[in-house]
Amino acid sequence: MTEQPPYQAILAEGSAVPTLQCGHCRSILSRARIFRNERDNQQAIQCKTIGLCSADDCGAVNCCDEALSRIEDPERLLSLAS
């Protein structure tokens, strides 16, 4: 069985607050489940920032690098994570 590569998170269009969506099911990725891919959180994928989808029947791993690059201040989004 081969491991599923990560999906690419999507930046929600027209949102007043930068919001990322799951590249698989399009659910909103909770800021609490977006994290840096480093140290204790290190995953075996080539992404700097990972978002885990919490939608029922999804649970996809999302690479957030491209979506975050489209935000003026991505560090602000990550600092809002609870």
N, C-alpha and C. Protein backbone atom coordinates (compact mmCIF):
# COMPACT_ATOMS: atom_id res chain seq x y z
N MET A 1 0.83 -1.18 0.00
CA MET A 1 0.00 0.00 0.00
C MET A 1 0.88 1.25 0.00
N THR A 2 0.64 2.17 -0.93
CA THR A 2 1.43 3.38 -1.00
C THR A 2 0.74 4.49 -0.20
N GLU A 3 1.55 5.35 0.36
CA GLU A 3 1.02 6.44 1.16
C GLU A 3 0.51 7.55 0.27
N GLN A 4 -0.64 8.12 0.59
CA GLN A 4 -1.25 9.20 -0.18
C GLN A 4 -0.40 10.46 -0.03
N PRO A 5 -0.01 11.08 -1.16
CA PRO A 5 0.73 12.35 -1.04
C PRO A 5 -0.19 13.42 -0.47
N PRO A 6 0.37 14.46 0.12
CA PRO A 6 -0.50 15.48 0.71
C PRO A 6 -1.28 16.24 -0.36
N TYR A 7 -2.44 16.72 0.01
CA TYR A 7 -3.23 17.58 -0.86
C TYR A 7 -2.69 19.00 -0.73
N GLN A 8 -3.02 19.85 -1.67
CA GLN A 8 -2.61 21.25 -1.62
C GLN A 8 -3.75 22.08 -1.03
N ALA A 9 -3.50 22.73 0.09
CA ALA A 9 -4.51 23.59 0.71
C ALA A 9 -4.83 24.73 -0.26
N ILE A 10 -6.03 25.26 -0.13
CA ILE A 10 -6.51 26.32 -1.00
C ILE A 10 -6.82 27.55 -0.16
N LEU A 11 -6.42 28.72 -0.63
CA LEU A 11 -6.76 29.97 0.04
C LEU A 11 -8.18 30.34 -0.36
N ALA A 12 -9.07 30.47 0.62
CA ALA A 12 -10.47 30.81 0.35
C ALA A 12 -10.55 32.21 -0.25
N GLU A 13 -11.26 32.34 -1.35
CA GLU A 13 -11.41 33.62 -2.03
C GLU A 13 -12.46 34.47 -1.34
N GLY A 14 -12.23 35.78 -1.27
CA GLY A 14 -13.21 36.70 -0.74
C GLY A 14 -13.43 36.66 0.75
N SER A 15 -12.54 36.02 1.48
CA SER A 15 -12.69 35.93 2.93
C SER A 15 -12.02 37.14 3.58
N ALA A 16 -12.70 37.77 4.53
CA ALA A 16 -12.15 38.94 5.22
C ALA A 16 -10.90 38.57 6.02
N VAL A 17 -10.88 37.37 6.57
CA VAL A 17 -9.75 36.85 7.32
C VAL A 17 -9.15 35.71 6.49
N PRO A 18 -7.83 35.70 6.29
CA PRO A 18 -7.25 34.61 5.50
C PRO A 18 -7.68 33.24 6.03
N THR A 19 -8.25 32.45 5.15
CA THR A 19 -8.78 31.15 5.51
C THR A 19 -8.29 30.11 4.52
N LEU A 20 -7.81 28.99 5.04
CA LEU A 20 -7.36 27.89 4.18
C LEU A 20 -8.41 26.79 4.16
N GLN A 21 -8.57 26.19 2.99
CA GLN A 21 -9.50 25.08 2.82
C GLN A 21 -8.73 23.82 2.44
N CYS A 22 -9.30 22.69 2.81
CA CYS A 22 -8.73 21.38 2.48
C CYS A 22 -8.75 21.20 0.96
N GLY A 23 -7.65 20.76 0.41
CA GLY A 23 -7.56 20.50 -1.02
C GLY A 23 -8.31 19.25 -1.45
N HIS A 24 -8.77 18.45 -0.50
CA HIS A 24 -9.51 17.23 -0.81
C HIS A 24 -11.01 17.46 -0.76
N CYS A 25 -11.52 17.96 0.38
CA CYS A 25 -12.97 18.09 0.57
C CYS A 25 -13.46 19.53 0.62
N ARG A 26 -12.54 20.49 0.59
CA ARG A 26 -12.85 21.93 0.61
C ARG A 26 -13.38 22.44 1.95
N SER A 27 -13.28 21.65 3.01
CA SER A 27 -13.65 22.13 4.34
C SER A 27 -12.62 23.13 4.82
N ILE A 28 -13.03 24.01 5.72
CA ILE A 28 -12.10 25.00 6.28
C ILE A 28 -11.12 24.28 7.20
N LEU A 29 -9.84 24.59 7.03
CA LEU A 29 -8.82 24.02 7.90
C LEU A 29 -8.74 24.87 9.17
N SER A 30 -8.93 24.24 10.30
CA SER A 30 -8.87 24.92 11.58
C SER A 30 -7.45 25.41 11.83
N ARG A 31 -7.33 26.65 12.29
CA ARG A 31 -5.99 27.19 12.58
C ARG A 31 -5.29 26.37 13.65
N ALA A 32 -6.07 25.73 14.51
CA ALA A 32 -5.48 24.89 15.56
C ALA A 32 -4.82 23.64 14.98
N ARG A 33 -5.14 23.30 13.72
CA ARG A 33 -4.58 22.11 13.09
C ARG A 33 -3.65 22.44 11.93
N ILE A 34 -3.15 23.68 11.92
CA ILE A 34 -2.13 24.10 10.95
C ILE A 34 -0.85 24.31 11.74
N PHE A 35 0.22 23.65 11.31
CA PHE A 35 1.46 23.75 12.08
C PHE A 35 2.68 23.65 11.18
N ARG A 36 3.79 24.13 11.71
CA ARG A 36 5.09 24.05 11.03
C ARG A 36 5.54 22.59 11.01
N ASN A 37 6.12 22.19 9.93
CA ASN A 37 6.65 20.84 9.78
C ASN A 37 8.11 20.84 10.24
N GLU A 38 8.27 20.83 11.56
CA GLU A 38 9.61 20.89 12.14
C GLU A 38 9.63 20.27 13.53
N ARG A 39 10.81 20.04 14.03
CA ARG A 39 11.04 19.49 15.36
C ARG A 39 10.12 18.31 15.70
N ASP A 40 9.36 18.43 16.77
CA ASP A 40 8.50 17.33 17.23
C ASP A 40 7.34 17.05 16.27
N ASN A 41 7.00 18.02 15.44
CA ASN A 41 5.90 17.87 14.49
C ASN A 41 6.36 17.38 13.12
N GLN A 42 7.63 17.02 12.96
CA GLN A 42 8.20 16.67 11.65
C GLN A 42 7.47 15.49 11.01
N GLN A 43 6.98 15.73 9.80
CA GLN A 43 6.34 14.70 8.99
C GLN A 43 7.23 14.41 7.78
N ALA A 44 7.11 13.24 7.21
CA ALA A 44 7.95 12.82 6.09
C ALA A 44 7.41 13.31 4.75
N ILE A 45 7.10 14.61 4.67
CA ILE A 45 6.67 15.22 3.42
C ILE A 45 7.42 16.53 3.23
N GLN A 46 7.52 16.97 2.00
CA GLN A 46 8.29 18.16 1.67
C GLN A 46 7.44 19.42 1.74
N CYS A 47 6.96 19.76 2.90
CA CYS A 47 6.16 20.98 3.13
C CYS A 47 6.67 21.65 4.38
N LYS A 48 6.71 22.98 4.35
CA LYS A 48 7.11 23.74 5.53
C LYS A 48 5.96 23.86 6.52
N THR A 49 4.73 23.93 6.00
CA THR A 49 3.55 24.09 6.85
C THR A 49 2.48 23.09 6.44
N ILE A 50 1.92 22.40 7.42
CA ILE A 50 0.95 21.33 7.17
C ILE A 50 -0.37 21.69 7.85
N GLY A 51 -1.47 21.37 7.18
CA GLY A 51 -2.79 21.53 7.76
C GLY A 51 -3.50 20.20 7.74
N LEU A 52 -4.04 19.80 8.86
CA LEU A 52 -4.77 18.54 8.95
C LEU A 52 -6.27 18.81 8.92
N CYS A 53 -6.97 18.17 8.00
CA CYS A 53 -8.41 18.37 7.87
C CYS A 53 -9.12 17.61 8.99
N SER A 54 -10.04 18.30 9.65
CA SER A 54 -10.77 17.67 10.74
C SER A 54 -12.20 17.29 10.34
N ALA A 55 -12.52 17.43 9.05
CA ALA A 55 -13.88 17.08 8.59
C ALA A 55 -14.11 15.58 8.71
N ASP A 56 -15.34 15.22 9.04
CA ASP A 56 -15.71 13.80 9.12
C ASP A 56 -15.41 13.13 7.79
N ASP A 57 -14.89 11.93 7.84
CA ASP A 57 -14.58 11.13 6.66
C ASP A 57 -13.53 11.74 5.75
N CYS A 58 -12.73 12.67 6.22
CA CYS A 58 -11.67 13.22 5.38
C CYS A 58 -10.31 12.94 6.03
N GLY A 59 -9.89 13.81 6.95
CA GLY A 59 -8.62 13.63 7.64
C GLY A 59 -7.40 13.80 6.76
N ALA A 60 -7.56 14.49 5.62
CA ALA A 60 -6.46 14.65 4.67
C ALA A 60 -5.34 15.52 5.24
N VAL A 61 -4.13 15.20 4.84
CA VAL A 61 -2.96 16.01 5.14
C VAL A 61 -2.82 17.01 3.99
N ASN A 62 -2.71 18.28 4.32
CA ASN A 62 -2.60 19.33 3.33
C ASN A 62 -1.29 20.07 3.46
N CYS A 63 -0.63 20.29 2.34
CA CYS A 63 0.55 21.14 2.29
C CYS A 63 0.03 22.57 2.11
N CYS A 64 0.40 23.46 3.01
CA CYS A 64 -0.14 24.82 3.01
C CYS A 64 0.82 25.85 2.42
N ASP A 65 1.99 25.43 1.98
CA ASP A 65 3.02 26.36 1.53
C ASP A 65 2.56 27.29 0.41
N GLU A 66 1.97 26.75 -0.64
CA GLU A 66 1.55 27.57 -1.77
C GLU A 66 0.44 28.55 -1.37
N ALA A 67 -0.55 28.06 -0.64
CA ALA A 67 -1.66 28.93 -0.20
C ALA A 67 -1.15 30.04 0.70
N LEU A 68 -0.24 29.73 1.61
CA LEU A 68 0.30 30.74 2.52
C LEU A 68 1.13 31.77 1.77
N SER A 69 1.75 31.37 0.67
CA SER A 69 2.58 32.31 -0.09
C SER A 69 1.72 33.40 -0.75
N ARG A 70 0.42 33.18 -0.84
CA ARG A 70 -0.49 34.16 -1.44
C ARG A 70 -1.06 35.13 -0.42
N ILE A 71 -0.72 34.94 0.86
CA ILE A 71 -1.19 35.82 1.93
C ILE A 71 -0.10 36.87 2.20
N GLU A 72 -0.54 38.10 2.39
CA GLU A 72 0.41 39.20 2.63
C GLU A 72 1.28 38.95 3.86
N ASP A 73 0.70 38.44 4.94
CA ASP A 73 1.43 38.19 6.18
C ASP A 73 1.10 36.81 6.73
N PRO A 74 1.69 35.75 6.16
CA PRO A 74 1.35 34.40 6.61
C PRO A 74 1.70 34.13 8.07
N GLU A 75 2.69 34.82 8.60
CA GLU A 75 3.04 34.64 10.01
C GLU A 75 1.90 35.07 10.92
N ARG A 76 1.14 36.07 10.49
CA ARG A 76 0.00 36.52 11.28
C ARG A 76 -1.06 35.42 11.34
N LEU A 77 -1.31 34.77 10.22
CA LEU A 77 -2.28 33.67 10.21
C LEU A 77 -1.85 32.58 11.19
N LEU A 78 -0.58 32.20 11.15
CA LEU A 78 -0.10 31.15 12.03
C LEU A 78 -0.10 31.58 13.49
N SER A 79 0.09 32.87 13.74
CA SER A 79 0.09 33.34 15.14
C SER A 79 -1.33 33.36 15.71
N LEU A 80 -2.35 33.36 14.84
CA LEU A 80 -3.73 33.33 15.30
C LEU A 80 -4.17 31.94 15.73
N ALA A 81 -3.36 30.94 15.39
CA ALA A 81 -3.71 29.56 15.74
C ALA A 81 -3.86 29.43 17.25
N SER A 82 -4.88 28.71 17.62
CA SER A 82 -5.12 28.56 19.07
C SER A 82 -4.66 27.20 19.55
